[in-house]
All heavy atoms as atom14 arrays in JSON, in Angstrom:
{
  "sequence": "CSAEGLTAMGQHPAHSPPPASSSSTVDSSTAIAP",
  "atom14_mask": [
    [1, 1, 1, 1, 1, 1, 0, 0, 0, 0, 0, 0, 0, 0],
    [1, 1, 1, 1, 1, 1, 0, 0, 0, 0, 0, 0, 0, 0],
    [1, 1, 1, 1, 1, 0, 0, 0, 0, 0, 0, 0, 0, 0],
    [1, 1, 1, 1, 1, 1, 1, 1, 1, 0, 0, 0, 0, 0],
    [1, 1, 1, 1, 0, 0, 0, 0, 0, 0, 0, 0, 0, 0],
    [1, 1, 1, 1, 1, 1, 1, 1, 0, 0, 0, 0, 0, 0],
    [1, 1, 1, 1, 1, 1, 1, 0, 0, 0, 0, 0, 0, 0],
    [1, 1, 1, 1, 1, 0, 0, 0, 0, 0, 0, 0, 0, 0],
    [1, 1, 1, 1, 1, 1, 1, 1, 0, 0, 0, 0, 0, 0],
    [1, 1, 1, 1, 0, 0, 0, 0, 0, 0, 0, 0, 0, 0],
    [1, 1, 1, 1, 1, 1, 1, 1, 1, 0, 0, 0, 0, 0],
    [1, 1, 1, 1, 1, 1, 1, 1, 1, 1, 0, 0, 0, 0],
    [1, 1, 1, 1, 1, 1, 1, 0, 0, 0, 0, 0, 0, 0],
    [1, 1, 1, 1, 1, 0, 0, 0, 0, 0, 0, 0, 0, 0],
    [1, 1, 1, 1, 1, 1, 1, 1, 1, 1, 0, 0, 0, 0],
    [1, 1, 1, 1, 1, 1, 0, 0, 0, 0, 0, 0, 0, 0],
    [1, 1, 1, 1, 1, 1, 1, 0, 0, 0, 0, 0, 0, 0],
    [1, 1, 1, 1, 1, 1, 1, 0, 0, 0, 0, 0, 0, 0],
    [1, 1, 1, 1, 1, 1, 1, 0, 0, 0, 0, 0, 0, 0],
    [1, 1, 1, 1, 1, 0, 0, 0, 0, 0, 0, 0, 0, 0],
    [1, 1, 1, 1, 1, 1, 0, 0, 0, 0, 0, 0, 0, 0],
    [1, 1, 1, 1, 1, 1, 0, 0, 0, 0, 0, 0, 0, 0],
    [1, 1, 1, 1, 1, 1, 0, 0, 0, 0, 0, 0, 0, 0],
    [1, 1, 1, 1, 1, 1, 0, 0, 0, 0, 0, 0, 0, 0],
    [1, 1, 1, 1, 1, 1, 1, 0, 0, 0, 0, 0, 0, 0],
    [1, 1, 1, 1, 1, 1, 1, 0, 0, 0, 0, 0, 0, 0],
    [1, 1, 1, 1, 1, 1, 1, 1, 0, 0, 0, 0, 0, 0],
    [1, 1, 1, 1, 1, 1, 0, 0, 0, 0, 0, 0, 0, 0],
    [1, 1, 1, 1, 1, 1, 0, 0, 0, 0, 0, 0, 0, 0],
    [1, 1, 1, 1, 1, 1, 1, 0, 0, 0, 0, 0, 0, 0],
    [1, 1, 1, 1, 1, 0, 0, 0, 0, 0, 0, 0, 0, 0],
    [1, 1, 1, 1, 1, 1, 1, 1, 0, 0, 0, 0, 0, 0],
    [1, 1, 1, 1, 1, 0, 0, 0, 0, 0, 0, 0, 0, 0],
    [1, 1, 1, 1, 1, 1, 1, 0, 0, 0, 0, 0, 0, 0]
  ],
  "atom14_positions": [
    [[-0.06, -2.64, 3.53], [0.94, -2.22, 4.46], [2.27, -1.92, 3.75], [2.75, -2.71, 3.01], [1.23, -3.41, 5.5], [2.2, -3.0, 6.83], [0.0, 0.0, 0.0], [0.0, 0.0, 0.0], [0.0, 0.0, 0.0], [0.0, 0.0, 0.0], [0.0, 0.0, 0.0], [0.0, 0.0, 0.0], [0.0, 0.0, 0.0], [0.0, 0.0, 0.0]],
    [[2.75, -0.77, 4.07], [3.98, -0.24, 3.46], [4.94, 0.17, 4.61], [4.56, 0.3, 5.8], [3.83, 0.96, 2.47], [3.38, 2.04, 3.12], [0.0, 0.0, 0.0], [0.0, 0.0, 0.0], [0.0, 0.0, 0.0], [0.0, 0.0, 0.0], [0.0, 0.0, 0.0], [0.0, 0.0, 0.0], [0.0, 0.0, 0.0], [0.0, 0.0, 0.0]],
    [[6.08, 0.68, 4.28], [7.03, 1.2, 5.26], [6.59, 2.41, 5.89], [6.9, 2.64, 7.09], [8.47, 1.47, 4.57], [0.0, 0.0, 0.0], [0.0, 0.0, 0.0], [0.0, 0.0, 0.0], [0.0, 0.0, 0.0], [0.0, 0.0, 0.0], [0.0, 0.0, 0.0], [0.0, 0.0, 0.0], [0.0, 0.0, 0.0], [0.0, 0.0, 0.0]],
    [[5.75, 3.18, 5.22], [5.21, 4.47, 5.88], [3.89, 4.2, 6.6], [3.4, 5.04, 7.2], [4.91, 5.49, 4.69], [6.23, 6.14, 4.1], [6.93, 5.15, 3.19], [6.3, 4.3, 2.54], [8.12, 5.26, 3.06], [0.0, 0.0, 0.0], [0.0, 0.0, 0.0], [0.0, 0.0, 0.0], [0.0, 0.0, 0.0], [0.0, 0.0, 0.0]],
    [[3.35, 2.91, 6.53], [2.13, 2.7, 7.3], [1.1, 2.09, 6.37], [1.42, 1.55, 5.39], [0.0, 0.0, 0.0], [0.0, 0.0, 0.0], [0.0, 0.0, 0.0], [0.0, 0.0, 0.0], [0.0, 0.0, 0.0], [0.0, 0.0, 0.0], [0.0, 0.0, 0.0], [0.0, 0.0, 0.0], [0.0, 0.0, 0.0], [0.0, 0.0, 0.0]],
    [[-0.22, 2.14, 6.84], [-1.27, 1.65, 6.06], [-1.74, 2.55, 4.92], [-1.87, 3.79, 5.15], [-2.52, 1.37, 6.9], [-2.3, 0.34, 8.0], [-3.4, 0.18, 8.88], [-1.85, -0.95, 7.43], [0.0, 0.0, 0.0], [0.0, 0.0, 0.0], [0.0, 0.0, 0.0], [0.0, 0.0, 0.0], [0.0, 0.0, 0.0], [0.0, 0.0, 0.0]],
    [[-1.96, 2.05, 3.8], [-2.37, 2.94, 2.57], [-3.74, 2.19, 2.1], [-3.72, 0.88, 1.99], [-1.44, 2.77, 1.48], [-0.1, 3.38, 1.96], [-1.87, 3.63, 0.24], [0.0, 0.0, 0.0], [0.0, 0.0, 0.0], [0.0, 0.0, 0.0], [0.0, 0.0, 0.0], [0.0, 0.0, 0.0], [0.0, 0.0, 0.0], [0.0, 0.0, 0.0]],
    [[-4.72, 2.96, 1.91], [-6.0, 2.38, 1.43], [-5.92, 2.14, -0.09], [-5.59, 3.08, -0.77], [-7.19, 3.24, 1.71], [0.0, 0.0, 0.0], [0.0, 0.0, 0.0], [0.0, 0.0, 0.0], [0.0, 0.0, 0.0], [0.0, 0.0, 0.0], [0.0, 0.0, 0.0], [0.0, 0.0, 0.0], [0.0, 0.0, 0.0], [0.0, 0.0, 0.0]],
    [[-6.27, 0.94, -0.53], [-6.04, 0.6, -1.99], [-7.3, 1.36, -2.65], [-8.3, 1.48, -2.07], [-6.36, -0.85, -2.12], [-5.75, -1.41, -3.46], [-5.76, -3.11, -3.41], [-5.67, -3.38, -5.15], [0.0, 0.0, 0.0], [0.0, 0.0, 0.0], [0.0, 0.0, 0.0], [0.0, 0.0, 0.0], [0.0, 0.0, 0.0], [0.0, 0.0, 0.0]],
    [[-7.03, 2.02, -3.77], [-8.05, 2.71, -4.42], [-7.87, 4.17, -4.06], [-8.76, 4.99, -4.61], [0.0, 0.0, 0.0], [0.0, 0.0, 0.0], [0.0, 0.0, 0.0], [0.0, 0.0, 0.0], [0.0, 0.0, 0.0], [0.0, 0.0, 0.0], [0.0, 0.0, 0.0], [0.0, 0.0, 0.0], [0.0, 0.0, 0.0], [0.0, 0.0, 0.0]],
    [[-7.18, 4.52, -3.09], [-7.2, 5.94, -2.63], [-6.42, 6.72, -3.65], [-5.54, 6.24, -4.1], [-6.5, 6.07, -1.28], [-6.67, 7.33, -0.61], [-6.0, 7.36, 0.82], [-5.26, 6.49, 1.11], [-6.4, 8.27, 1.67], [0.0, 0.0, 0.0], [0.0, 0.0, 0.0], [0.0, 0.0, 0.0], [0.0, 0.0, 0.0], [0.0, 0.0, 0.0]],
    [[-6.8, 8.0, -3.89], [-6.13, 8.72, -4.9], [-4.71, 9.08, -4.45], [-4.34, 9.32, -3.25], [-6.86, 10.05, -5.03], [-6.46, 11.0, -6.19], [-5.35, 11.72, -6.12], [-6.93, 10.95, -7.45], [-5.12, 12.37, -7.27], [-6.03, 11.82, -8.13], [0.0, 0.0, 0.0], [0.0, 0.0, 0.0], [0.0, 0.0, 0.0], [0.0, 0.0, 0.0]],
    [[-3.74, 8.96, -5.38], [-2.32, 9.06, -4.99], [-1.94, 10.39, -4.43], [-1.07, 10.47, -3.48], [-1.61, 9.0, -6.3], [-2.53, 8.17, -7.31], [-3.79, 8.65, -6.77], [0.0, 0.0, 0.0], [0.0, 0.0, 0.0], [0.0, 0.0, 0.0], [0.0, 0.0, 0.0], [0.0, 0.0, 0.0], [0.0, 0.0, 0.0], [0.0, 0.0, 0.0]],
    [[-2.77, 11.41, -4.6], [-2.39, 12.79, -3.97], [-2.8, 12.73, -2.51], [-2.2, 13.62, -1.71], [-3.2, 13.84, -4.71], [0.0, 0.0, 0.0], [0.0, 0.0, 0.0], [0.0, 0.0, 0.0], [0.0, 0.0, 0.0], [0.0, 0.0, 0.0], [0.0, 0.0, 0.0], [0.0, 0.0, 0.0], [0.0, 0.0, 0.0], [0.0, 0.0, 0.0]],
    [[-3.59, 11.84, -2.06], [-4.08, 11.84, -0.75], [-3.2, 10.92, 0.21], [-3.25, 10.77, 1.32], [-5.44, 11.37, -0.53], [-6.45, 12.24, -1.24], [-6.7, 13.55, -0.76], [-7.13, 12.11, -2.32], [-7.55, 14.23, -1.59], [-7.77, 13.24, -2.51], [0.0, 0.0, 0.0], [0.0, 0.0, 0.0], [0.0, 0.0, 0.0], [0.0, 0.0, 0.0]],
    [[-2.02, 10.2, -0.35], [-1.37, 9.33, 0.34], [0.04, 9.31, -0.16], [0.18, 9.46, -1.46], [-1.88, 7.83, 0.52], [-1.97, 7.36, -0.93], [0.0, 0.0, 0.0], [0.0, 0.0, 0.0], [0.0, 0.0, 0.0], [0.0, 0.0, 0.0], [0.0, 0.0, 0.0], [0.0, 0.0, 0.0], [0.0, 0.0, 0.0], [0.0, 0.0, 0.0]],
    [[1.01, 9.21, 0.73], [2.4, 9.16, 0.2], [2.72, 7.72, -0.56], [2.05, 6.83, -0.25], [3.33, 9.18, 1.4], [2.33, 8.75, 2.56], [0.88, 8.96, 2.16], [0.0, 0.0, 0.0], [0.0, 0.0, 0.0], [0.0, 0.0, 0.0], [0.0, 0.0, 0.0], [0.0, 0.0, 0.0], [0.0, 0.0, 0.0], [0.0, 0.0, 0.0]],
    [[3.47, 7.84, -1.57], [3.81, 6.52, -2.33], [4.81, 5.66, -1.36], [5.43, 6.12, -0.49], [4.71, 7.13, -3.48], [5.19, 8.51, -3.11], [4.26, 8.93, -2.11], [0.0, 0.0, 0.0], [0.0, 0.0, 0.0], [0.0, 0.0, 0.0], [0.0, 0.0, 0.0], [0.0, 0.0, 0.0], [0.0, 0.0, 0.0], [0.0, 0.0, 0.0]],
    [[4.75, 4.51, -1.65], [5.64, 3.54, -0.8], [7.11, 3.86, -1.09], [7.33, 4.26, -2.03], [5.2, 2.1, -1.37], [4.42, 2.33, -2.57], [3.92, 3.72, -2.54], [0.0, 0.0, 0.0], [0.0, 0.0, 0.0], [0.0, 0.0, 0.0], [0.0, 0.0, 0.0], [0.0, 0.0, 0.0], [0.0, 0.0, 0.0], [0.0, 0.0, 0.0]],
    [[7.88, 3.53, -0.1], [9.28, 3.93, -0.14], [10.0, 3.03, -1.19], [10.8, 3.66, -1.97], [9.98, 3.58, 1.19], [0.0, 0.0, 0.0], [0.0, 0.0, 0.0], [0.0, 0.0, 0.0], [0.0, 0.0, 0.0], [0.0, 0.0, 0.0], [0.0, 0.0, 0.0], [0.0, 0.0, 0.0], [0.0, 0.0, 0.0], [0.0, 0.0, 0.0]],
    [[9.66, 1.79, -1.36], [10.27, 0.96, -2.37], [9.17, -0.12, -2.71], [8.31, -0.56, -1.87], [11.56, 0.47, -2.01], [11.44, -0.52, -1.11], [0.0, 0.0, 0.0], [0.0, 0.0, 0.0], [0.0, 0.0, 0.0], [0.0, 0.0, 0.0], [0.0, 0.0, 0.0], [0.0, 0.0, 0.0], [0.0, 0.0, 0.0], [0.0, 0.0, 0.0]],
    [[9.2, -0.64, -3.77], [8.25, -1.66, -4.14], [8.48, -2.94, -3.38], [7.59, -3.83, -3.2], [8.26, -2.1, -5.69], [9.62, -2.48, -6.04], [0.0, 0.0, 0.0], [0.0, 0.0, 0.0], [0.0, 0.0, 0.0], [0.0, 0.0, 0.0], [0.0, 0.0, 0.0], [0.0, 0.0, 0.0], [0.0, 0.0, 0.0], [0.0, 0.0, 0.0]],
    [[9.65, -3.17, -2.9], [9.94, -4.26, -2.0], [9.38, -4.23, -0.69], [9.14, -5.28, 0.03], [11.31, -4.66, -2.01], [12.02, -3.6, -1.31], [0.0, 0.0, 0.0], [0.0, 0.0, 0.0], [0.0, 0.0, 0.0], [0.0, 0.0, 0.0], [0.0, 0.0, 0.0], [0.0, 0.0, 0.0], [0.0, 0.0, 0.0], [0.0, 0.0, 0.0]],
    [[9.04, -3.04, -0.12], [8.42, -2.79, 1.13], [6.93, -2.93, 1.09], [6.31, -2.91, 2.18], [8.93, -1.61, 1.78], [8.45, -0.51, 1.11], [0.0, 0.0, 0.0], [0.0, 0.0, 0.0], [0.0, 0.0, 0.0], [0.0, 0.0, 0.0], [0.0, 0.0, 0.0], [0.0, 0.0, 0.0], [0.0, 0.0, 0.0], [0.0, 0.0, 0.0]],
    [[6.26, -3.06, 0.04], [4.85, -3.08, 0.05], [4.39, -4.43, -0.19], [4.96, -5.35, -0.82], [4.42, -2.26, -1.28], [4.88, -0.94, -1.26], [2.98, -2.28, -1.38], [0.0, 0.0, 0.0], [0.0, 0.0, 0.0], [0.0, 0.0, 0.0], [0.0, 0.0, 0.0], [0.0, 0.0, 0.0], [0.0, 0.0, 0.0], [0.0, 0.0, 0.0]],
    [[3.29, -4.8, 0.55], [2.64, -6.14, 0.67], [2.1, -6.19, -0.74], [1.2, -5.39, -1.15], [1.81, -6.37, 1.79], [1.11, -7.63, 1.67], [2.63, -6.25, 3.15], [0.0, 0.0, 0.0], [0.0, 0.0, 0.0], [0.0, 0.0, 0.0], [0.0, 0.0, 0.0], [0.0, 0.0, 0.0], [0.0, 0.0, 0.0], [0.0, 0.0, 0.0]],
    [[2.24, -7.37, -1.35], [1.51, -7.65, -2.75], [0.03, -7.87, -2.41], [-0.4, -8.37, -1.48], [2.16, -8.97, -3.32], [1.48, -9.32, -4.6], [0.9, -8.47, -5.22], [1.82, -10.45, -5.06], [0.0, 0.0, 0.0], [0.0, 0.0, 0.0], [0.0, 0.0, 0.0], [0.0, 0.0, 0.0], [0.0, 0.0, 0.0], [0.0, 0.0, 0.0]],
    [[-0.76, -7.27, -3.41], [-2.1, -7.21, -3.18], [-2.72, -8.7, -3.14], [-3.85, -8.87, -2.71], [-2.87, -6.36, -4.15], [-2.66, -6.82, -5.46], [0.0, 0.0, 0.0], [0.0, 0.0, 0.0], [0.0, 0.0, 0.0], [0.0, 0.0, 0.0], [0.0, 0.0, 0.0], [0.0, 0.0, 0.0], [0.0, 0.0, 0.0], [0.0, 0.0, 0.0]],
    [[-2.07, -9.56, -3.76], [-2.53, -10.94, -3.84], [-2.36, -11.63, -2.39], [-3.08, -12.56, -2.21], [-1.76, -11.76, -4.99], [-0.49, -11.82, -4.47], [0.0, 0.0, 0.0], [0.0, 0.0, 0.0], [0.0, 0.0, 0.0], [0.0, 0.0, 0.0], [0.0, 0.0, 0.0], [0.0, 0.0, 0.0], [0.0, 0.0, 0.0], [0.0, 0.0, 0.0]],
    [[-1.67, -11.21, -1.49], [-1.52, -11.76, -0.27], [-2.37, -10.77, 0.79], [-2.28, -11.23, 1.99], [-0.07, -11.7, 0.31], [0.47, -10.41, 0.31], [0.74, -12.47, -0.65], [0.0, 0.0, 0.0], [0.0, 0.0, 0.0], [0.0, 0.0, 0.0], [0.0, 0.0, 0.0], [0.0, 0.0, 0.0], [0.0, 0.0, 0.0], [0.0, 0.0, 0.0]],
    [[-2.86, -9.75, 0.33], [-3.73, -8.93, 1.29], [-4.99, -9.68, 1.77], [-5.32, -10.63, 1.14], [-4.15, -7.65, 0.56], [0.0, 0.0, 0.0], [0.0, 0.0, 0.0], [0.0, 0.0, 0.0], [0.0, 0.0, 0.0], [0.0, 0.0, 0.0], [0.0, 0.0, 0.0], [0.0, 0.0, 0.0], [0.0, 0.0, 0.0], [0.0, 0.0, 0.0]],
    [[-5.65, -9.1, 2.81], [-6.85, -9.71, 3.33], [-7.88, -9.63, 2.3], [-8.27, -8.49, 1.85], [-7.15, -9.09, 4.63], [-5.99, -9.31, 5.64], [-8.51, -9.65, 5.15], [-6.27, -8.45, 6.89], [0.0, 0.0, 0.0], [0.0, 0.0, 0.0], [0.0, 0.0, 0.0], [0.0, 0.0, 0.0], [0.0, 0.0, 0.0], [0.0, 0.0, 0.0]],
    [[-8.53, -10.76, 1.96], [-9.62, -10.8, 0.98], [-10.6, -11.99, 1.36], [-10.22, -12.87, 2.05], [-9.01, -10.93, -0.5], [0.0, 0.0, 0.0], [0.0, 0.0, 0.0], [0.0, 0.0, 0.0], [0.0, 0.0, 0.0], [0.0, 0.0, 0.0], [0.0, 0.0, 0.0], [0.0, 0.0, 0.0], [0.0, 0.0, 0.0], [0.0, 0.0, 0.0]],
    [[-11.75, -11.9, 0.93], [-12.7, -13.07, 1.07], [-12.25, -14.28, 0.65], [-11.55, -14.42, -0.41], [-14.0, -12.62, 0.28], [-13.86, -11.0, 0.09], [-12.4, -10.82, 0.06], [0.0, 0.0, 0.0], [0.0, 0.0, 0.0], [0.0, 0.0, 0.0], [0.0, 0.0, 0.0], [0.0, 0.0, 0.0], [0.0, 0.0, 0.0], [0.0, 0.0, 0.0]]
  ]
}
């Protein structure tokens, strides 16, 4: 989850906008995982 919406992890950077700032992006260690 970022300020601009949902971003799929592993998606090519050209297909999604970069996050506004690193502080607004949820750390991948807290993302939903098994």
